[in-house]
Amino acid sequence: MSKRIRVLFYLKKPKNYTYGPVPIYLRITVAGKRAEVSTGRECEPKRWISSSGRSSGTKETVISLNAYLDTLQAKAYEAHRLLLEAGESITAESLKLRFIGKEEEVRTLVKQLEEHNRRMEALIGLEFSPGTLKGYKTSLSHSKGFIKWKYGAGDIDLRKVDNSFVTDYDFYLKSVCKCSTNSVAKYIKHLKKVVRTCLTHGWIEKDPFLHYKAKVKQVERAFLSEEELYRIARKEFVTERLSQVRDIFLFSCFTGLAYIDVQKLKLSDVRKGVDGEQWVFKHRQKTDTPSRIPLLPSALVILDRYRESPQCLHKGQLLPVLSNQKMNAYLKEIADVCGITKPITFHTARHTFATTVTLLNGVPMESVSKMLGHTSIKTTQHYAKVLDIKVSRDMNSIRCKFKP
C-alpha cells in the first residue's frame, strides 16, 4: 500500500555553535516517523530559507548547492518508487536505507522467538522459573511447525505476521496439534508477547492481534471435601514413604503453598506474626508475590514431626519433599487406598486450602487471596464459583425468614 512521504532539508546546528556554516541534513517522514541522513554539504544560516529548504542567492556556488539538493530529493522519491514496485514495506527507515544504498535488515519471527527464549533462559532463577521457559520452548516448537505447515519454510519475515497469520495459527493449534482451548490461548499469549515487543521497536507496523480475541474455558479445579481430607489424615499407611507424602500434602492443604514453595521452605520462612503465633512469610516462586500465612495447629504438628529428619537437616528443608512427579504418583496410590475417585495431584492441596479450609469456613476472599499470593483477586474468585455447599449454607441462614 502506498504511503505519503515528505522530504525536506534543514540545518542541524552542532552543540555550542557560535558562527560559520552549518551541516545540511535530509529528513524523510513516513506516517509521522522520521529518518535523517547527512547531505555532506553546509550552508550559512543567514542564507538558508527554511520554507523551501534551499540556500538563497545567485552565485554559482549557491546554484550548484541547490541543484545538488534537488538531485538528492529526486533520489529520495525514486527510492520510494522502487520500494512500491518491489511491494516492500515503506517506512522512514527503509526509505533511508534504500536512499543510501543499503539493504534493510530482514527480521524474522522465529529468530525473534528464539532471542526471547535466550534472554528468558539467562534470567532463570531471577525473573523466571524453568517451567515458564519450558512453556515458551513448546510455543517456539509450535510456531516453527505452523510456519512449515502454512508457508513451507523454516522462518518468515516479521512483516508477514498479520491478523490472518494469528487466526490461521489458532486454527493450526486446534486442528493439527489438537491443543485444548486453554492451551491455544496460552500459546497465542506467548506469541503476542514477542510480537508486541517487535511493535514497540517499529519492526511491525500494525498490531496483528487488534481484532483477535482468544477463547478461554473456565476449568473447575478439583479439591477435597472436608470428609475426604479427614479420611486421608486418619489413614494408617504401611510404608513410611506414603506417610511422608500424605503429611506434606496435608501441610499444603493447611497452608495453600504450591509444590515448589513447600519444597524450598526453610526455617527462616517460619516466624512470629502480628498475633504472636507462627506464620509462614514467603515470596511465591511463580509470581514473586509475598504470602503471609498463619500456621494452623495441624500444620505445626507436621512441621514438628520432621524437625529432626536427616534429609531435612542435610538439605536445609523443613519437609522431606520428593520430586513433583514422585509426589503425584504416590498421591494417586494414597487416593486409591482412601477410596477417593477424583483425580488428585499435589496442586489439589492448594485448591483444597482455598475452598474447604478457608472459604467454606467463612474466611473472607481478600484474606484468602493474600495468603495464596494471588496478584489479582479475580484469580481467587474462580474458587468461589464452585462452592455450592457454601451457597446452601448461606441460604439456609435466611430460609426460616421466608417460610410461607
Protein backbone atom coordinates (compact mmCIF):
# COMPACT_ATOMS: atom_id res chain seq x y z
CA MET A 1 0.00 0.00 0.00
CA SER A 2 1.35 3.42 -0.98
CA LYS A 3 2.17 5.81 1.80
CA ARG A 4 2.57 9.54 1.59
CA ILE A 5 6.13 10.66 2.25
CA ARG A 6 7.65 14.03 3.00
CA VAL A 7 11.20 15.05 2.10
CA LEU A 8 12.81 18.25 3.42
CA PHE A 9 16.22 19.73 4.07
CA TYR A 10 17.18 21.58 7.23
CA LEU A 11 20.21 22.94 9.03
CA LYS A 12 21.44 20.98 12.02
CA LYS A 13 23.44 23.23 14.29
CA PRO A 14 26.06 21.41 16.39
CA LYS A 15 26.29 21.86 20.14
CA ASN A 16 27.97 25.05 21.30
CA TYR A 17 27.52 26.56 17.84
CA THR A 18 28.64 30.18 17.57
CA TYR A 19 29.11 31.08 13.89
CA GLY A 20 30.00 29.74 10.46
CA PRO A 21 28.44 27.22 8.03
CA VAL A 22 26.05 24.57 9.41
CA PRO A 23 25.61 20.98 8.11
CA ILE A 24 22.58 20.36 5.89
CA TYR A 25 20.52 17.25 6.64
CA LEU A 26 17.83 15.44 4.67
CA ARG A 27 14.77 14.32 6.65
CA ILE A 28 12.35 11.68 5.36
CA THR A 29 8.97 11.40 7.13
CA VAL A 30 6.54 8.50 6.70
CA ALA A 31 3.41 8.11 8.85
CA GLY A 32 4.76 10.54 11.44
CA LYS A 33 8.10 8.70 11.83
CA ARG A 34 11.36 10.28 10.74
CA ALA A 35 14.73 9.20 9.39
CA GLU A 36 17.61 11.59 8.80
CA VAL A 37 20.79 11.50 6.74
CA SER A 38 23.59 13.99 6.23
CA THR A 39 23.89 15.56 2.76
CA GLY A 40 27.62 16.22 3.20
CA ARG A 41 27.12 19.93 2.45
CA GLU A 42 26.95 23.09 4.56
CA CYS A 43 25.28 26.49 4.42
CA GLU A 44 25.44 29.79 6.30
CA PRO A 45 22.27 30.10 8.48
CA LYS A 46 21.64 33.66 7.24
CA ARG A 47 21.44 32.37 3.63
CA TRP A 48 19.17 29.44 4.41
CA ILE A 49 15.43 29.57 3.51
CA SER A 50 13.61 27.16 5.85
CA SER A 51 10.32 27.19 3.91
CA SER A 52 11.92 25.90 0.72
CA GLY A 53 14.84 24.05 2.26
CA ARG A 54 17.30 25.80 -0.06
CA SER A 55 20.00 28.44 0.03
CA SER A 56 19.32 31.99 -1.18
CA GLY A 57 21.48 33.83 -3.67
CA THR A 58 22.56 33.83 -7.31
CA LYS A 59 26.20 32.88 -7.00
CA GLU A 60 27.40 29.84 -8.85
CA THR A 61 28.16 28.04 -5.56
CA VAL A 62 24.60 28.60 -4.34
CA ILE A 63 23.08 27.43 -7.63
CA SER A 64 25.31 24.33 -7.50
CA LEU A 65 24.28 23.59 -3.90
CA ASN A 66 20.58 23.91 -4.65
CA ALA A 67 20.93 21.72 -7.75
CA TYR A 68 22.66 19.10 -5.61
CA LEU A 69 19.81 19.20 -3.08
CA ASP A 70 17.29 18.86 -5.94
CA THR A 71 19.15 15.72 -7.05
CA LEU A 72 19.02 14.25 -3.53
CA GLN A 73 15.32 14.99 -3.28
CA ALA A 74 14.67 13.26 -6.60
CA LYS A 75 16.75 10.29 -5.40
CA ALA A 76 14.62 10.02 -2.24
CA TYR A 77 11.39 9.92 -4.29
CA GLU A 78 12.97 7.37 -6.62
CA ALA A 79 13.76 5.18 -3.62
CA HIS A 80 10.09 5.43 -2.68
CA ARG A 81 9.05 4.35 -6.18
CA LEU A 82 11.40 1.35 -6.15
CA LEU A 83 10.04 0.18 -2.81
CA LEU A 84 6.49 0.45 -4.15
CA GLU A 85 7.36 -1.59 -7.23
CA ALA A 86 9.04 -4.27 -5.13
CA GLY A 87 6.00 -4.46 -2.86
CA GLU A 88 8.20 -3.88 0.18
CA SER A 89 7.24 -2.20 3.41
CA ILE A 90 7.57 1.57 3.21
CA THR A 91 8.88 3.17 6.38
CA ALA A 92 11.12 6.15 7.03
CA GLU A 93 13.95 3.76 7.89
CA SER A 94 13.50 1.54 4.80
CA LEU A 95 13.49 4.65 2.58
CA LYS A 96 16.65 5.94 4.23
CA LEU A 97 18.44 2.62 3.75
CA ARG A 98 17.39 2.43 0.07
CA PHE A 99 18.44 6.06 -0.38
CA ILE A 100 21.97 5.47 0.96
CA GLY A 101 22.27 2.16 -0.91
CA LYS A 102 21.97 -0.25 2.00
CA GLU A 103 19.64 -3.21 2.30
CA GLU A 104 17.23 -3.10 5.22
CA GLU A 105 17.86 -5.83 7.79
CA VAL A 106 15.23 -8.54 7.42
CA ARG A 107 13.93 -9.53 10.82
CA THR A 108 12.17 -12.87 11.07
CA LEU A 109 9.67 -14.29 13.52
CA VAL A 110 11.49 -17.48 14.56
CA LYS A 111 14.70 -15.55 15.24
CA GLN A 112 12.80 -13.14 17.50
CA LEU A 113 11.12 -16.02 19.35
CA GLU A 114 14.50 -17.71 19.82
CA GLU A 115 16.07 -14.47 21.04
CA HIS A 116 13.24 -14.04 23.55
CA ASN A 117 13.83 -17.56 24.89
CA ARG A 118 17.60 -16.99 25.15
CA ARG A 119 17.01 -13.88 27.24
CA MET A 120 14.48 -15.70 29.42
CA GLU A 121 16.92 -18.57 29.97
CA ALA A 122 19.56 -16.10 31.16
CA LEU A 123 17.09 -14.87 33.81
CA ILE A 124 16.07 -18.28 35.19
CA GLY A 125 16.06 -18.02 38.97
CA LEU A 126 15.96 -14.22 38.83
CA GLU A 127 12.73 -13.37 37.00
CA PHE A 128 11.56 -16.68 35.52
CA SER A 129 11.22 -20.32 36.55
CA PRO A 130 12.33 -23.33 34.47
CA GLY A 131 8.67 -24.23 34.00
CA THR A 132 7.94 -20.88 32.35
CA LEU A 133 10.84 -21.34 29.93
CA LYS A 134 9.63 -24.85 29.12
CA GLY A 135 6.24 -23.41 28.09
CA TYR A 136 7.87 -20.85 25.78
CA LYS A 137 10.06 -23.55 24.22
CA THR A 138 6.92 -25.54 23.43
CA SER A 139 5.41 -22.39 21.91
CA LEU A 140 8.51 -21.96 19.74
CA SER A 141 8.18 -25.54 18.53
CA HIS A 142 4.51 -24.99 17.62
CA SER A 143 5.36 -21.72 15.80
CA LYS A 144 8.03 -23.48 13.71
CA GLY A 145 5.60 -26.29 12.89
CA PHE A 146 2.93 -23.79 11.83
CA ILE A 147 5.29 -21.84 9.55
CA LYS A 148 6.36 -25.09 7.91
CA TRP A 149 2.71 -26.16 7.56
CA LYS A 150 1.43 -22.86 6.12
CA TYR A 151 4.41 -21.44 4.22
CA GLY A 152 6.61 -24.48 3.60
CA ALA A 153 9.52 -22.54 5.13
CA GLY A 154 11.62 -22.52 8.27
CA ASP A 155 11.00 -18.85 9.07
CA ILE A 156 9.10 -15.81 7.78
CA ASP A 157 9.56 -12.05 7.62
CA LEU A 158 8.11 -10.35 10.70
CA ARG A 159 6.14 -8.02 8.44
CA LYS A 160 4.07 -11.00 7.27
CA VAL A 161 2.72 -11.54 10.78
CA ASP A 162 -0.77 -10.11 10.42
CA ASN A 163 -4.28 -10.90 11.62
CA SER A 164 -4.55 -13.71 9.06
CA PHE A 165 -1.36 -15.25 10.45
CA VAL A 166 -2.77 -15.19 14.00
CA THR A 167 -6.17 -16.68 13.11
CA ASP A 168 -4.53 -19.40 10.99
CA TYR A 169 -2.13 -20.19 13.83
CA ASP A 170 -5.13 -20.51 16.16
CA PHE A 171 -6.72 -22.96 13.70
CA TYR A 172 -3.45 -24.93 13.34
CA LEU A 173 -3.08 -25.36 17.11
CA LYS A 174 -6.64 -26.64 17.44
CA SER A 175 -6.83 -28.84 14.33
CA VAL A 176 -3.30 -30.13 13.70
CA CYS A 177 -1.79 -30.03 17.20
CA LYS A 178 -5.08 -30.99 18.91
CA CYS A 179 -4.45 -28.44 21.66
CA SER A 180 -7.20 -27.64 24.16
CA THR A 181 -8.88 -24.24 24.11
CA ASN A 182 -6.87 -23.03 27.11
CA SER A 183 -3.59 -24.34 25.70
CA VAL A 184 -4.26 -22.46 22.45
CA ALA A 185 -4.88 -19.28 24.46
CA LYS A 186 -1.57 -19.79 26.29
CA TYR A 187 0.49 -20.31 23.12
CA ILE A 188 -1.17 -17.33 21.42
CA LYS A 189 -0.37 -15.26 24.51
CA HIS A 190 3.32 -16.26 24.24
CA LEU A 191 3.39 -15.20 20.58
CA LYS A 192 1.61 -11.95 21.42
CA LYS A 193 4.25 -11.04 24.00
CA VAL A 194 7.08 -11.30 21.46
CA VAL A 195 5.10 -9.58 18.68
CA ARG A 196 4.25 -6.65 20.97
CA THR A 197 7.99 -6.15 21.60
CA CYS A 198 8.54 -6.07 17.82
CA LEU A 199 5.76 -3.49 17.52
CA THR A 200 7.45 -1.32 20.13
CA HIS A 201 10.69 -1.42 18.13
CA GLY A 202 8.83 -0.47 14.95
CA TRP A 203 9.64 -3.76 13.18
CA ILE A 204 5.93 -4.39 12.64
CA GLU A 205 3.65 -1.55 11.61
CA LYS A 206 0.21 -2.86 12.61
CA ASP A 207 -0.82 -4.93 15.63
CA PRO A 208 -1.89 -8.34 14.23
CA PHE A 209 -3.87 -9.05 17.43
CA LEU A 210 -6.03 -5.94 17.08
CA HIS A 211 -9.20 -7.84 16.07
CA TYR A 212 -8.34 -11.19 17.63
CA LYS A 213 -9.78 -12.41 20.91
CA ALA A 214 -8.64 -15.68 22.46
CA LYS A 215 -11.27 -18.01 23.92
CA VAL A 216 -10.71 -19.40 27.41
CA LYS A 217 -12.78 -22.10 29.08
CA GLN A 218 -13.30 -21.90 32.79
CA VAL A 219 -11.82 -25.04 34.36
CA GLU A 220 -13.38 -26.41 37.54
CA ARG A 221 -10.49 -27.09 39.91
CA ALA A 222 -10.62 -30.35 41.85
CA PHE A 223 -10.43 -30.06 45.64
CA LEU A 224 -11.00 -32.36 48.60
CA SER A 225 -14.09 -32.15 50.73
CA GLU A 226 -13.77 -31.94 54.50
CA GLU A 227 -14.68 -35.62 54.79
CA GLU A 228 -12.06 -36.66 52.19
CA LEU A 229 -9.44 -34.52 53.90
CA TYR A 230 -10.02 -36.21 57.26
CA ARG A 231 -10.12 -39.63 55.58
CA ILE A 232 -6.57 -39.10 54.30
CA ALA A 233 -5.41 -37.56 57.59
CA ARG A 234 -6.65 -40.52 59.70
CA LYS A 235 -5.44 -43.28 57.40
CA GLU A 236 -2.67 -45.52 58.72
CA PHE A 237 -0.18 -46.37 55.96
CA VAL A 238 2.08 -49.41 55.90
CA THR A 239 5.06 -47.64 54.31
CA GLU A 240 6.85 -44.61 55.73
CA ARG A 241 7.12 -43.12 52.25
CA LEU A 242 3.34 -42.91 51.84
CA SER A 243 3.01 -41.41 55.33
CA GLN A 244 5.54 -38.70 54.49
CA VAL A 245 3.88 -37.84 51.18
CA ARG A 246 0.50 -37.72 52.94
CA ASP A 247 1.89 -35.37 55.64
CA ILE A 248 3.48 -32.99 53.10
CA PHE A 249 0.28 -32.98 51.04
CA LEU A 250 -1.78 -32.18 54.15
CA PHE A 251 0.65 -29.40 55.07
CA SER A 252 -0.06 -27.81 51.70
CA CYS A 253 -3.80 -28.28 52.28
CA PHE A 254 -3.48 -26.30 55.54
CA THR A 255 -1.21 -23.56 54.12
CA GLY A 256 -2.08 -23.24 50.42
CA LEU A 257 1.61 -23.36 49.45
CA ALA A 258 2.40 -24.67 45.96
CA TYR A 259 4.77 -27.62 45.47
CA ILE A 260 7.87 -25.54 44.71
CA ASP A 261 7.23 -23.29 47.71
CA VAL A 262 6.84 -26.26 50.08
CA GLN A 263 9.99 -27.83 48.64
CA LYS A 264 12.01 -24.67 49.28
CA LEU A 265 10.51 -23.89 52.68
CA LYS A 266 13.25 -23.07 55.20
CA LEU A 267 13.34 -22.48 58.94
CA SER A 268 13.85 -18.75 58.34
CA ASP A 269 10.50 -18.63 56.48
CA VAL A 270 8.61 -19.51 59.69
CA ARG A 271 8.48 -16.80 62.35
CA LYS A 272 6.10 -14.93 64.66
CA GLY A 273 3.35 -12.90 63.07
CA VAL A 274 1.44 -9.85 64.30
CA ASP A 275 -0.60 -12.04 66.65
CA GLY A 276 2.43 -13.69 68.24
CA GLU A 277 1.63 -17.02 66.52
CA GLN A 278 3.80 -18.87 64.00
CA TRP A 279 3.36 -17.71 60.39
CA VAL A 280 4.94 -18.54 57.03
CA PHE A 281 6.49 -15.48 55.37
CA LYS A 282 7.47 -16.38 51.83
CA HIS A 283 7.55 -14.99 48.29
CA ARG A 284 5.87 -17.27 45.76
CA GLN A 285 8.31 -18.81 43.32
CA LYS A 286 5.88 -18.44 40.41
CA THR A 287 4.96 -14.75 40.71
CA ASP A 288 7.42 -13.44 43.33
CA THR A 289 4.44 -12.06 45.26
CA PRO A 290 4.57 -12.21 49.08
CA SER A 291 2.48 -14.76 51.01
CA ARG A 292 1.85 -14.41 54.75
CA ILE A 293 0.09 -17.45 56.15
CA PRO A 294 -0.82 -18.11 59.80
CA LEU A 295 0.04 -21.75 60.56
CA LEU A 296 -2.88 -23.87 61.73
CA PRO A 297 -2.23 -26.36 64.58
CA SER A 298 -2.33 -29.32 62.17
CA ALA A 299 0.38 -27.71 60.01
CA LEU A 300 2.56 -27.03 63.07
CA VAL A 301 2.26 -30.69 64.15
CA ILE A 302 3.50 -31.81 60.73
CA LEU A 303 6.48 -29.42 60.84
CA ASP A 304 7.40 -30.63 64.30
CA ARG A 305 7.23 -34.26 63.13
CA TYR A 306 10.09 -33.69 60.66
CA ARG A 307 12.17 -31.30 62.72
CA GLU A 308 14.90 -33.93 63.22
CA SER A 309 14.60 -35.62 59.82
CA PRO A 310 18.13 -36.37 58.45
CA GLN A 311 17.04 -35.39 54.92
CA CYS A 312 15.66 -32.06 56.13
CA LEU A 313 18.73 -31.29 58.22
CA HIS A 314 21.06 -32.18 55.34
CA LYS A 315 19.22 -30.09 52.70
CA GLY A 316 18.11 -27.24 54.98
CA GLN A 317 14.44 -28.01 54.32
CA LEU A 318 11.53 -28.14 56.74
CA LEU A 319 9.90 -31.10 55.00
CA PRO A 320 11.35 -34.15 53.11
CA VAL A 321 9.81 -33.28 49.75
CA LEU A 322 10.33 -35.69 46.82
CA SER A 323 10.21 -34.71 43.15
CA ASN A 324 6.83 -33.46 41.95
CA GLN A 325 6.49 -36.50 39.67
CA LYS A 326 7.05 -38.94 42.54
CA MET A 327 4.77 -36.99 44.88
CA ASN A 328 1.93 -37.16 42.34
CA ALA A 329 2.50 -40.88 41.76
CA TYR A 330 2.30 -41.61 45.49
CA LEU A 331 -0.76 -39.36 45.85
CA LYS A 332 -2.63 -41.49 43.30
CA GLU A 333 -1.84 -44.52 45.41
CA ILE A 334 -3.00 -42.70 48.55
CA ALA A 335 -6.26 -41.72 46.86
CA ASP A 336 -6.90 -45.34 45.84
CA VAL A 337 -6.23 -46.64 49.35
CA CYS A 338 -8.55 -44.00 50.83
CA GLY A 339 -11.33 -44.70 48.33
CA ILE A 340 -11.15 -41.25 46.69
CA THR A 341 -12.06 -41.42 42.99
CA LYS A 342 -11.42 -37.81 41.94
CA PRO A 343 -8.00 -37.12 40.30
CA ILE A 344 -5.52 -35.83 42.88
CA THR A 345 -2.22 -34.09 42.27
CA PHE A 346 -0.11 -32.07 44.68
CA HIS A 347 -1.72 -28.89 43.37
CA THR A 348 -5.08 -30.21 44.58
CA ALA A 349 -3.86 -29.30 48.07
CA ARG A 350 -3.68 -25.60 47.14
CA HIS A 351 -7.23 -25.72 45.80
CA THR A 352 -8.37 -27.53 48.95
CA PHE A 353 -6.89 -24.78 51.11
CA ALA A 354 -8.66 -22.10 49.07
CA THR A 355 -12.04 -23.84 49.25
CA THR A 356 -12.59 -26.41 52.02
CA VAL A 357 -10.16 -24.99 54.58
CA THR A 358 -10.75 -21.24 54.17
CA LEU A 359 -13.68 -20.02 52.03
CA LEU A 360 -16.10 -22.69 53.31
CA ASN A 361 -15.21 -21.71 56.87
CA GLY A 362 -16.00 -18.05 56.36
CA VAL A 363 -12.51 -16.66 55.69
CA PRO A 364 -13.00 -13.51 53.54
CA MET A 365 -11.99 -13.65 49.89
CA GLU A 366 -9.44 -10.85 50.35
CA SER A 367 -7.64 -12.76 53.11
CA VAL A 368 -7.57 -15.97 51.07
CA SER A 369 -6.20 -14.08 48.07
CA LYS A 370 -3.41 -12.59 50.16
CA MET A 371 -2.45 -15.93 51.72
CA LEU A 372 -2.39 -17.59 48.30
CA GLY A 373 -0.19 -14.81 46.95
CA HIS A 374 -2.53 -14.09 44.04
CA THR A 375 -1.69 -10.97 42.03
CA SER A 376 -5.41 -10.39 41.39
CA ILE A 377 -8.46 -11.22 43.48
CA LYS A 378 -10.14 -12.36 40.24
CA THR A 379 -7.96 -15.46 40.39
CA THR A 380 -9.27 -16.24 43.88
CA GLN A 381 -12.87 -15.67 42.79
CA HIS A 382 -12.62 -18.70 40.49
CA TYR A 383 -12.62 -20.92 43.58
CA ALA A 384 -15.79 -19.37 44.95
CA LYS A 385 -17.75 -20.25 41.81
CA VAL A 386 -17.69 -23.96 42.60
CA LEU A 387 -18.74 -23.76 46.22
CA ASP A 388 -22.37 -24.88 46.04
CA ILE A 389 -22.09 -26.06 49.65
CA LYS A 390 -21.39 -22.53 50.81
CA VAL A 391 -24.32 -21.21 48.77
CA SER A 392 -26.54 -23.76 50.53
CA ARG A 393 -25.23 -22.72 53.97
CA ASP A 394 -25.68 -19.03 53.20
CA MET A 395 -29.28 -19.55 52.01
CA ASN A 396 -30.15 -21.77 55.00
CA SER A 397 -29.38 -18.84 57.30
CA ILE A 398 -32.32 -16.92 55.83
CA ARG A 399 -34.61 -19.82 54.94
CA CYS A 400 -36.65 -19.56 58.14
CA LYS A 401 -37.36 -15.87 57.49
CA PHE A 402 -39.21 -16.60 54.27
CA LYS A 403 -41.38 -19.56 55.26
CA PRO A 404 -44.94 -19.36 53.79
